[in-house]
PDB file of N, CA and C in Angstrom:
ATOM      1  N   MET A   1      32.548 -25.060  30.385  1.00  0.00           N
ATOM      2  CA  MET A   1      32.793 -24.068  29.358  1.00  0.00           C
ATOM      3  C   MET A   1      31.582 -23.991  28.440  1.00  0.00           C
ATOM      4  N   SER A   2      30.754 -23.013  28.649  1.00  0.00           N
ATOM      5  CA  SER A   2      29.567 -22.888  27.798  1.00  0.00           C
ATOM      6  C   SER A   2      29.774 -21.751  26.807  1.00  0.00           C
ATOM      7  N   GLN A   3      29.577 -22.081  25.570  1.00  0.00           N
ATOM      8  CA  GLN A   3      29.701 -21.079  24.521  1.00  0.00           C
ATOM      9  C   GLN A   3      28.328 -20.828  23.924  1.00  0.00           C
ATOM     10  N   SER A   4      28.022 -19.586  23.713  1.00  0.00           N
ATOM     11  CA  SER A   4      26.736 -19.253  23.125  1.00  0.00           C
ATOM     12  C   SER A   4      26.879 -19.165  21.609  1.00  0.00           C
ATOM     13  N   ASN A   5      25.799 -19.462  20.917  1.00  0.00           N
ATOM     14  CA  ASN A   5      25.796 -19.378  19.459  1.00  0.00           C
ATOM     15  C   ASN A   5      25.508 -17.968  18.970  1.00  0.00           C
ATOM     16  N   ASN A   6      25.193 -17.072  19.880  1.00  0.00           N
ATOM     17  CA  ASN A   6      24.902 -15.701  19.484  1.00  0.00           C
ATOM     18  C   ASN A   6      26.195 -14.960  19.165  1.00  0.00           C
ATOM     19  N   PRO A   7      26.221 -14.285  18.013  1.00  0.00           N
ATOM     20  CA  PRO A   7      27.414 -13.506  17.690  1.00  0.00           C
ATOM     21  C   PRO A   7      27.513 -12.293  18.603  1.00  0.00           C
ATOM     22  N   VAL A   8      28.707 -11.786  18.725  1.00  0.00           N
ATOM     23  CA  VAL A   8      28.925 -10.580  19.524  1.00  0.00           C
ATOM     24  C   VAL A   8      28.313  -9.404  18.761  1.00  0.00           C
ATOM     25  N   ARG A   9      27.507  -8.635  19.447  1.00  0.00           N
ATOM     26  CA  ARG A   9      26.849  -7.493  18.806  1.00  0.00           C
ATOM     27  C   ARG A   9      27.724  -6.261  18.932  1.00  0.00           C
ATOM     28  N   HIS A  10      28.123  -5.752  17.798  1.00  0.00           N
ATOM     29  CA  HIS A  10      28.905  -4.525  17.755  1.00  0.00           C
ATOM     30  C   HIS A  10      27.979  -3.399  17.312  1.00  0.00           C
ATOM     31  N   PRO A  11      28.090  -2.247  17.933  1.00  0.00           N
ATOM     32  CA  PRO A  11      27.226  -1.139  17.514  1.00  0.00           C
ATOM     33  C   PRO A  11      27.578  -0.684  16.097  1.00  0.00           C
ATOM     34  N   LEU A  12      26.570  -0.148  15.428  1.00  0.00           N
ATOM     35  CA  LEU A  12      26.792   0.383  14.083  1.00  0.00           C
ATOM     36  C   LEU A  12      27.678   1.618  14.146  1.00  0.00           C
ATOM     37  N   THR A  13      28.588   1.697  13.217  1.00  0.00           N
ATOM     38  CA  THR A  13      29.381   2.912  13.093  1.00  0.00           C
ATOM     39  C   THR A  13      28.531   3.977  12.404  1.00  0.00           C
ATOM     40  N   LEU A  14      29.010   5.194  12.408  1.00  0.00           N
ATOM     41  CA  LEU A  14      28.279   6.275  11.756  1.00  0.00           C
ATOM     42  C   LEU A  14      28.094   5.976  10.271  1.00  0.00           C
ATOM     43  N   THR A  15      29.120   5.454   9.644  1.00  0.00           N
ATOM     44  CA  THR A  15      29.041   5.114   8.219  1.00  0.00           C
ATOM     45  C   THR A  15      27.961   4.069   7.971  1.00  0.00           C
ATOM     46  N   GLU A  16      27.889   3.074   8.827  1.00  0.00           N
ATOM     47  CA  GLU A  16      26.880   2.026   8.663  1.00  0.00           C
ATOM     48  C   GLU A  16      25.475   2.554   8.937  1.00  0.00           C
ATOM     49  N   GLN A  17      25.343   3.458   9.908  1.00  0.00           N
ATOM     50  CA  GLN A  17      24.036   4.067  10.173  1.00  0.00           C
ATOM     51  C   GLN A  17      23.555   4.872   8.974  1.00  0.00           C
ATOM     52  N   LEU A  18      24.465   5.654   8.402  1.00  0.00           N
ATOM     53  CA  LEU A  18      24.096   6.462   7.238  1.00  0.00           C
ATOM     54  C   LEU A  18      23.773   5.580   6.032  1.00  0.00           C
ATOM     55  N   ALA A  19      24.513   4.492   5.871  1.00  0.00           N
ATOM     56  CA  ALA A  19      24.234   3.561   4.774  1.00  0.00           C
ATOM     57  C   ALA A  19      22.860   2.917   4.956  1.00  0.00           C
ATOM     58  N   ALA A  20      22.520   2.559   6.192  1.00  0.00           N
ATOM     59  CA  ALA A  20      21.199   1.981   6.457  1.00  0.00           C
ATOM     60  C   ALA A  20      20.099   3.004   6.167  1.00  0.00           C
ATOM     61  N   ASP A  21      20.326   4.251   6.521  1.00  0.00           N
ATOM     62  CA  ASP A  21      19.347   5.304   6.227  1.00  0.00           C
ATOM     63  C   ASP A  21      19.181   5.505   4.729  1.00  0.00           C
ATOM     64  N   ARG A  22      20.303   5.517   3.997  1.00  0.00           N
ATOM     65  CA  ARG A  22      20.223   5.656   2.533  1.00  0.00           C
ATOM     66  C   ARG A  22      19.483   4.486   1.921  1.00  0.00           C
ATOM     67  N   THR A  23      19.732   3.286   2.421  1.00  0.00           N
ATOM     68  CA  THR A  23      19.061   2.101   1.899  1.00  0.00           C
ATOM     69  C   THR A  23      17.567   2.169   2.174  1.00  0.00           C
ATOM     70  N   ARG A  24      17.193   2.623   3.360  1.00  0.00           N
ATOM     71  CA  ARG A  24      15.769   2.754   3.709  1.00  0.00           C
ATOM     72  C   ARG A  24      15.091   3.777   2.790  1.00  0.00           C
ATOM     73  N   LEU A  25      15.764   4.901   2.543  1.00  0.00           N
ATOM     74  CA  LEU A  25      15.186   5.921   1.662  1.00  0.00           C
ATOM     75  C   LEU A  25      15.088   5.428   0.216  1.00  0.00           C
ATOM     76  N   ALA A  26      16.087   4.687  -0.224  1.00  0.00           N
ATOM     77  CA  ALA A  26      16.037   4.124  -1.579  1.00  0.00           C
ATOM     78  C   ALA A  26      14.889   3.128  -1.704  1.00  0.00           C
ATOM     79  N   ASN A  27      14.668   2.355  -0.653  1.00  0.00           N
ATOM     80  CA  ASN A  27      13.559   1.402  -0.647  1.00  0.00           C
ATOM     81  C   ASN A  27      12.224   2.145  -0.747  1.00  0.00           C
ATOM     82  N   GLU A  28      12.094   3.258  -0.041  1.00  0.00           N
ATOM     83  CA  GLU A  28      10.867   4.046  -0.113  1.00  0.00           C
ATOM     84  C   GLU A  28      10.678   4.649  -1.504  1.00  0.00           C
ATOM     85  N   ARG A  29      11.764   5.134  -2.118  1.00  0.00           N
ATOM     86  CA  ARG A  29      11.658   5.684  -3.477  1.00  0.00           C
ATOM     87  C   ARG A  29      11.236   4.604  -4.466  1.00  0.00           C
ATOM     88  N   THR A  30      11.744   3.390  -4.273  1.00  0.00           N
ATOM     89  CA  THR A  30      11.372   2.298  -5.157  1.00  0.00           C
ATOM     90  C   THR A  30       9.892   1.974  -5.009  1.00  0.00           C
ATOM     91  N   LEU A  31       9.390   1.975  -3.775  1.00  0.00           N
ATOM     92  CA  LEU A  31       7.961   1.748  -3.562  1.00  0.00           C
ATOM     93  C   LEU A  31       7.140   2.836  -4.257  1.00  0.00           C
ATOM     94  N   LEU A  32       7.577   4.075  -4.141  1.00  0.00           N
ATOM     95  CA  LEU A  32       6.843   5.165  -4.797  1.00  0.00           C
ATOM     96  C   LEU A  32       6.856   5.018  -6.318  1.00  0.00           C
ATOM     97  N   ALA A  33       7.931   4.488  -6.878  1.00  0.00           N
ATOM     98  CA  ALA A  33       7.982   4.243  -8.320  1.00  0.00           C
ATOM     99  C   ALA A  33       6.977   3.164  -8.715  1.00  0.00           C
ATOM    100  N   TYR A  34       6.873   2.120  -7.893  1.00  0.00           N
ATOM    101  CA  TYR A  34       5.865   1.082  -8.152  1.00  0.00           C
ATOM    102  C   TYR A  34       4.457   1.683  -8.089  1.00  0.00           C
ATOM    103  N   VAL A  35       4.206   2.507  -7.084  1.00  0.00           N
ATOM    104  CA  VAL A  35       2.881   3.119  -6.936  1.00  0.00           C
ATOM    105  C   VAL A  35       2.590   4.010  -8.130  1.00  0.00           C
ATOM    106  N   ARG A  36       3.561   4.805  -8.547  1.00  0.00           N
ATOM    107  CA  ARG A  36       3.371   5.698  -9.696  1.00  0.00           C
ATOM    108  C   ARG A  36       3.057   4.898 -10.962  1.00  0.00           C
ATOM    109  N   THR A  37       3.782   3.798 -11.172  1.00  0.00           N
ATOM    110  CA  THR A  37       3.543   2.962 -12.342  1.00  0.00           C
ATOM    111  C   THR A  37       2.160   2.331 -12.285  1.00  0.00           C
ATOM    112  N   ALA A  38       1.785   1.831 -11.112  1.00  0.00           N
ATOM    113  CA  ALA A  38       0.473   1.206 -10.955  1.00  0.00           C
ATOM    114  C   ALA A  38      -0.650   2.207 -11.210  1.00  0.00           C
ATOM    115  N   LEU A  39      -0.512   3.409 -10.651  1.00  0.00           N
ATOM    116  CA  LEU A  39      -1.541   4.429 -10.873  1.00  0.00           C
ATOM    117  C   LEU A  39      -1.625   4.831 -12.348  1.00  0.00           C
ATOM    118  N   GLY A  40      -0.489   4.898 -13.004  1.00  0.00           N
ATOM    119  CA  GLY A  40      -0.488   5.211 -14.433  1.00  0.00           C
ATOM    120  C   GLY A  40      -1.196   4.148 -15.246  1.00  0.00           C
ATOM    121  N   LEU A  41      -0.941   2.890 -14.912  1.00  0.00           N
ATOM    122  CA  LEU A  41      -1.613   1.804 -15.634  1.00  0.00           C
ATOM    123  C   LEU A  41      -3.121   1.821 -15.384  1.00  0.00           C
ATOM    124  N   ILE A  42      -3.508   2.002 -14.141  1.00  0.00           N
ATOM    125  CA  ILE A  42      -4.930   2.004 -13.805  1.00  0.00           C
ATOM    126  C   ILE A  42      -5.639   3.194 -14.455  1.00  0.00           C
ATOM    127  N   ALA A  43      -5.024   4.363 -14.391  1.00  0.00           N
ATOM    128  CA  ALA A  43      -5.627   5.554 -15.001  1.00  0.00           C
ATOM    129  C   ALA A  43      -5.710   5.414 -16.522  1.00  0.00           C
ATOM    130  N   SER A  44      -4.668   4.853 -17.122  1.00  0.00           N
ATOM    131  CA  SER A  44      -4.696   4.642 -18.571  1.00  0.00           C
ATOM    132  C   SER A  44      -5.782   3.653 -18.956  1.00  0.00           C
ATOM    133  N   GLY A  45      -5.896   2.597 -18.175  1.00  0.00           N
ATOM    134  CA  GLY A  45      -6.902   1.588 -18.484  1.00  0.00           C
ATOM    135  C   GLY A  45      -8.313   2.135 -18.405  1.00  0.00           C
ATOM    136  N   THR A  46      -8.591   2.932 -17.405  1.00  0.00           N
ATOM    137  CA  THR A  46      -9.952   3.467 -17.280  1.00  0.00           C
ATOM    138  C   THR A  46     -10.186   4.617 -18.250  1.00  0.00           C
ATOM    139  N   GLY A  47      -9.196   5.466 -18.418  1.00  0.00           N
ATOM    140  CA  GLY A  47      -9.377   6.643 -19.275  1.00  0.00           C
ATOM    141  C   GLY A  47      -9.499   6.317 -20.742  1.00  0.00           C
ATOM    142  N   PHE A  48      -8.570   5.537 -21.266  1.00  0.00           N
ATOM    143  CA  PHE A  48      -8.586   5.244 -22.697  1.00  0.00           C
ATOM    144  C   PHE A  48      -9.722   4.304 -23.071  1.00  0.00           C
ATOM    145  N   ALA A  49     -10.103   3.401 -22.183  1.00  0.00           N
ATOM    146  CA  ALA A  49     -11.177   2.461 -22.490  1.00  0.00           C
ATOM    147  C   ALA A  49     -12.508   3.187 -22.680  1.00  0.00           C
ATOM    148  N   GLU A  50     -12.672   4.324 -22.046  1.00  0.00           N
ATOM    149  CA  GLU A  50     -13.919   5.079 -22.164  1.00  0.00           C
ATOM    150  C   GLU A  50     -14.111   5.679 -23.560  1.00  0.00           C
ATOM    151  N   TYR A  51     -13.007   6.042 -24.229  1.00  0.00           N
ATOM    152  CA  TYR A  51     -13.115   6.807 -25.469  1.00  0.00           C
ATOM    153  C   TYR A  51     -12.802   6.008 -26.726  1.00  0.00           C
ATOM    154  N   LEU A  52     -12.646   4.700 -26.610  1.00  0.00           N
ATOM    155  CA  LEU A  52     -12.310   3.897 -27.776  1.00  0.00           C
ATOM    156  C   LEU A  52     -13.552   3.221 -28.347  1.00  0.00           C
ATOM    157  N   ASP A  53     -13.618   3.205 -29.679  1.00  0.00           N
ATOM    158  CA  ASP A  53     -14.739   2.542 -30.345  1.00  0.00           C
ATOM    159  C   ASP A  53     -14.415   1.088 -30.657  1.00  0.00           C
ATOM    160  N   SER A  54     -13.151   0.765 -30.762  1.00  0.00           N
ATOM    161  CA  SER A  54     -12.740  -0.597 -31.100  1.00  0.00           C
ATOM    162  C   SER A  54     -12.838  -1.502 -29.868  1.00  0.00           C
ATOM    163  N   PRO A  55     -13.609  -2.577 -29.947  1.00  0.00           N
ATOM    164  CA  PRO A  55     -13.748  -3.473 -28.795  1.00  0.00           C
ATOM    165  C   PRO A  55     -12.439  -4.158 -28.400  1.00  0.00           C
ATOM    166  N   SER A  56     -11.616  -4.483 -29.389  1.00  0.00           N
ATOM    167  CA  SER A  56     -10.354  -5.161 -29.061  1.00  0.00           C
ATOM    168  C   SER A  56      -9.400  -4.224 -28.313  1.00  0.00           C
ATOM    169  N   LEU A  57      -9.318  -2.969 -28.738  1.00  0.00           N
ATOM    170  CA  LEU A  57      -8.476  -2.008 -28.028  1.00  0.00           C
ATOM    171  C   LEU A  57      -9.044  -1.700 -26.643  1.00  0.00           C
ATOM    172  N   ARG A  58     -10.338  -1.666 -26.541  1.00  0.00           N
ATOM    173  CA  ARG A  58     -10.971  -1.426 -25.241  1.00  0.00           C
ATOM    174  C   ARG A  58     -10.599  -2.539 -24.257  1.00  0.00           C
ATOM    175  N   VAL A  59     -10.604  -3.789 -24.729  1.00  0.00           N
ATOM    176  CA  VAL A  59     -10.231  -4.924 -23.873  1.00  0.00           C
ATOM    177  C   VAL A  59      -8.770  -4.806 -23.441  1.00  0.00           C
ATOM    178  N   VAL A  60      -7.908  -4.403 -24.370  1.00  0.00           N
ATOM    179  CA  VAL A  60      -6.489  -4.246 -24.040  1.00  0.00           C
ATOM    180  C   VAL A  60      -6.315  -3.210 -22.938  1.00  0.00           C
ATOM    181  N   PHE A  61      -6.992  -2.082 -23.056  1.00  0.00           N
ATOM    182  CA  PHE A  61      -6.834  -1.037 -22.048  1.00  0.00           C
ATOM    183  C   PHE A  61      -7.518  -1.411 -20.728  1.00  0.00           C
ATOM    184  N   ILE A  62      -8.598  -2.165 -20.783  1.00  0.00           N
ATOM    185  CA  ILE A  62      -9.227  -2.615 -19.545  1.00  0.00           C
ATOM    186  C   ILE A  62      -8.326  -3.597 -18.813  1.00  0.00           C
ATOM    187  N   LEU A  63      -7.515  -4.355 -19.548  1.00  0.00           N
ATOM    188  CA  LEU A  63      -6.563  -5.275 -18.916  1.00  0.00           C
ATOM    189  C   LEU A  63      -5.458  -4.526 -18.164  1.00  0.00           C
ATOM    190  N   PHE A  64      -5.274  -3.246 -18.466  1.00  0.00           N
ATOM    191  CA  PHE A  64      -4.280  -2.450 -17.728  1.00  0.00           C
ATOM    192  C   PHE A  64      -4.644  -2.332 -16.257  1.00  0.00           C
ATOM    193  N   ILE A  65      -5.923  -2.382 -15.946  1.00  0.00           N
ATOM    194  CA  ILE A  65      -6.361  -2.198 -14.551  1.00  0.00           C
ATOM    195  C   ILE A  65      -5.859  -3.325 -13.656  1.00  0.00           C
ATOM    196  N   PRO A  66      -6.116  -4.606 -13.971  1.00  0.00           N
ATOM    197  CA  PRO A  66      -5.573  -5.653 -13.094  1.00  0.00           C
ATOM    198  C   PRO A  66      -4.045  -5.713 -13.113  1.00  0.00           C
ATOM    199  N   VAL A  67      -3.444  -5.357 -14.240  1.00  0.00           N
ATOM    200  CA  VAL A  67      -1.981  -5.328 -14.293  1.00  0.00           C
ATOM    201  C   VAL A  67      -1.453  -4.246 -13.345  1.00  0.00           C
ATOM    202  N   GLY A  68      -2.116  -3.101 -13.297  1.00  0.00           N
ATOM    203  CA  GLY A  68      -1.720  -2.042 -12.373  1.00  0.00           C
ATOM    204  C   GLY A  68      -1.852  -2.471 -10.924  1.00  0.00           C
ATOM    205  N   VAL A  69      -2.921  -3.183 -10.596  1.00  0.00           N
ATOM    206  CA  VAL A  69      -3.097  -3.688  -9.231  1.00  0.00           C
ATOM    207  C   VAL A  69      -2.005  -4.706  -8.914  1.00  0.00           C
ATOM    208  N   LEU A  70      -1.680  -5.559  -9.878  1.00  0.00           N
ATOM    209  CA  LEU A  70      -0.618  -6.550  -9.688  1.00  0.00           C
ATOM    210  C   LEU A  70       0.735  -5.873  -9.456  1.00  0.00           C
ATOM    211  N   VAL A  71       1.037  -4.844 -10.221  1.00  0.00           N
ATOM    212  CA  VAL A  71       2.288  -4.099 -10.043  1.00  0.00           C
ATOM    213  C   VAL A  71       2.333  -3.477  -8.642  1.00  0.00           C
ATOM    214  N   LEU A  72       1.223  -2.946  -8.184  1.00  0.00           N
ATOM    215  CA  LEU A  72       1.161  -2.359  -6.846  1.00  0.00           C
ATOM    216  C   LEU A  72       1.424  -3.415  -5.776  1.00  0.00           C
ATOM    217  N   LEU A  73       0.811  -4.582  -5.909  1.00  0.00           N
ATOM    218  CA  LEU A  73       1.013  -5.651  -4.924  1.00  0.00           C
ATOM    219  C   LEU A  73       2.455  -6.160  -4.925  1.00  0.00           C
ATOM    220  N   ILE A  74       3.053  -6.266  -6.101  1.00  0.00           N
ATOM    221  CA  ILE A  74       4.454  -6.680  -6.190  1.00  0.00           C
ATOM    222  C   ILE A  74       5.353  -5.645  -5.519  1.00  0.00           C
ATOM    223  N   GLY A  75       5.074  -4.372  -5.746  1.00  0.00           N
ATOM    224  CA  GLY A  75       5.865  -3.311  -5.135  1.00  0.00           C
ATOM    225  C   GLY A  75       5.768  -3.308  -3.619  1.00  0.00           C
ATOM    226  N   ILE A  76       4.563  -3.501  -3.098  1.00  0.00           N
ATOM    227  CA  ILE A  76       4.380  -3.529  -1.642  1.00  0.00           C
ATOM    228  C   ILE A  76       5.099  -4.736  -1.050  1.00  0.00           C
ATOM    229  N   ARG A  77       4.979  -5.880  -1.706  1.00  0.00           N
ATOM    230  CA  ARG A  77       5.642  -7.101  -1.213  1.00  0.00           C
ATOM    231  C   ARG A  77       7.162  -6.911  -1.200  1.00  0.00           C
ATOM    232  N   SER A  78       7.696  -6.354  -2.263  1.00  0.00           N
ATOM    233  CA  SER A  78       9.133  -6.116  -2.351  1.00  0.00           C
ATOM    234  C   SER A  78       9.591  -5.135  -1.274  1.00  0.00           C
ATOM    235  N   PHE A  79       8.830  -4.064  -1.067  1.00  0.00           N
ATOM    236  CA  PHE A  79       9.158  -3.071  -0.050  1.00  0.00           C
ATOM    237  C   PHE A  79       9.207  -3.702   1.337  1.00  0.00           C
ATOM    238  N   LEU A  80       8.187  -4.476   1.678  1.00  0.00           N
ATOM    239  CA  LEU A  80       8.127  -5.080   3.007  1.00  0.00           C
ATOM    240  C   LEU A  80       9.242  -6.100   3.218  1.00  0.00           C
ATOM    241  N   LYS A  81       9.583  -6.838   2.170  1.00  0.00           N
ATOM    242  CA  LYS A  81      10.663  -7.826   2.272  1.00  0.00           C
ATOM    243  C   LYS A  81      12.004  -7.137   2.546  1.00  0.00           C
ATOM    244  N   ARG A  82      12.279  -6.085   1.797  1.00  0.00           N
ATOM    245  CA  ARG A  82      13.539  -5.361   2.000  1.00  0.00           C
ATOM    246  C   ARG A  82      13.569  -4.632   3.334  1.00  0.00           C
ATOM    247  N   LEU A  83      12.431  -4.095   3.745  1.00  0.00           N
ATOM    248  CA  LEU A  83      12.354  -3.407   5.031  1.00  0.00           C
ATOM    249  C   LEU A  83      12.598  -4.380   6.180  1.00  0.00           C
ATOM    250  N   LYS A  84      12.037  -5.573   6.075  1.00  0.00           N
ATOM    251  CA  LYS A  84      12.247  -6.583   7.108  1.00  0.00           C
ATOM    252  C   LYS A  84      13.732  -6.955   7.201  1.00  0.00           C
ATOM    253  N   GLY A  85      14.380  -7.148   6.059  1.00  0.00           N
ATOM    254  CA  GLY A  85      15.808  -7.466   6.066  1.00  0.00           C
ATOM    255  C   GLY A  85      16.644  -6.348   6.650  1.00  0.00           C
ATOM    256  N   LEU A  86      16.307  -5.121   6.323  1.00  0.00           N
ATOM    257  CA  LEU A  86      17.049  -3.981   6.856  1.00  0.00           C
ATOM    258  C   LEU A  86      16.833  -3.844   8.356  1.00  0.00           C
ATOM    259  N   ASN A  87      15.603  -4.055   8.800  1.00  0.00           N
ATOM    260  CA  ASN A  87      15.324  -3.981  10.236  1.00  0.00           C
ATOM    261  C   ASN A  87      16.053  -5.080  10.998  1.00  0.00           C
ATOM    262  N   GLU A  88      16.116  -6.278  10.430  1.00  0.00           N
ATOM    263  CA  GLU A  88      16.860  -7.369  11.078  1.00  0.00           C
ATOM    264  C   GLU A  88      18.338  -7.011  11.197  1.00  0.00           C
ATOM    265  N   TYR A  89      18.893  -6.396  10.159  1.00  0.00           N
ATOM    266  CA  TYR A  89      20.303  -6.020  10.190  1.00  0.00           C
ATOM    267  C   TYR A  89      20.565  -4.961  11.252  1.00  0.00           C
ATOM    268  N   THR A  90      19.712  -3.944  11.298  1.00  0.00           N
ATOM    269  CA  THR A  90      19.956  -2.864  12.259  1.00  0.00           C
ATOM    270  C   THR A  90      19.664  -3.305  13.691  1.00  0.00           C
ATOM    271  N   GLU A  91      18.772  -4.285  13.878  1.00  0.00           N
ATOM    272  CA  GLU A  91      18.531  -4.807  15.227  1.00  0.00           C
ATOM    273  C   GLU A  91      19.684  -5.672  15.710  1.00  0.00           C
ATOM    274  N   GLU A  92      20.340  -6.355  14.762  1.00  0.00           N
ATOM    275  CA  GLU A  92      21.519  -7.155  15.134  1.00  0.00           C
ATOM    276  C   GLU A  92      22.667  -6.268  15.575  1.00  0.00           C
ATOM    277  N   HIS A  93      22.712  -5.067  15.025  1.00  0.00           N
ATOM    278  CA  HIS A  93      23.777  -4.126  15.319  1.00  0.00           C
ATOM    279  C   HIS A  93      23.169  -2.860  15.896  1.00  0.00           C
ATOM    280  N   PRO A  94      23.028  -2.759  17.214  1.00  0.00           N
ATOM    281  CA  PRO A  94      22.410  -1.557  17.776  1.00  0.00           C
ATOM    282  C   PRO A  94      23.239  -0.312  17.473  1.00  0.00           C
ATOM    283  N   SER A  95      22.583   0.817  17.425  1.00  0.00           N
ATOM    284  CA  SER A  95      23.294   2.057  17.120  1.00  0.00           C
ATOM    285  C   SER A  95      24.064   2.531  18.339  1.00  0.00           C
ATOM    286  N   THR A  96      25.047   3.378  18.079  1.00  0.00           N
ATOM    287  CA  THR A  96      25.910   3.879  19.138  1.00  0.00           C
ATOM    288  C   THR A  96      25.304   5.067  19.868  1.00  0.00           C
ATOM    289  N   SER A  97      24.263   5.659  19.309  1.00  0.00           N
ATOM    290  CA  SER A  97      23.691   6.864  19.932  1.00  0.00           C
ATOM    291  C   SER A  97      22.776   6.563  21.087  1.00  0.00           C
TER     292      SER A  97
END
């Protein structure tokens, strides 16, 4: 009597397929929000630093640039992590189509 440790794979129902699609689209929208925020920080840092006479304010705005890059990297990492989890879930449950 040999029993396998693999669970029985049931195909995704239509509801589950649509939920996976919504989750994938939400993940993409979240990535775009991270990109938008990062670009805003980088643009603000370069733009405002050019026109300021105060050295302390110039340093503050120049610091926006690495913060924007950091936000972008965090967003990409988060996107890939969630995408990997979603792909693992949908591969465990093949679609019915």
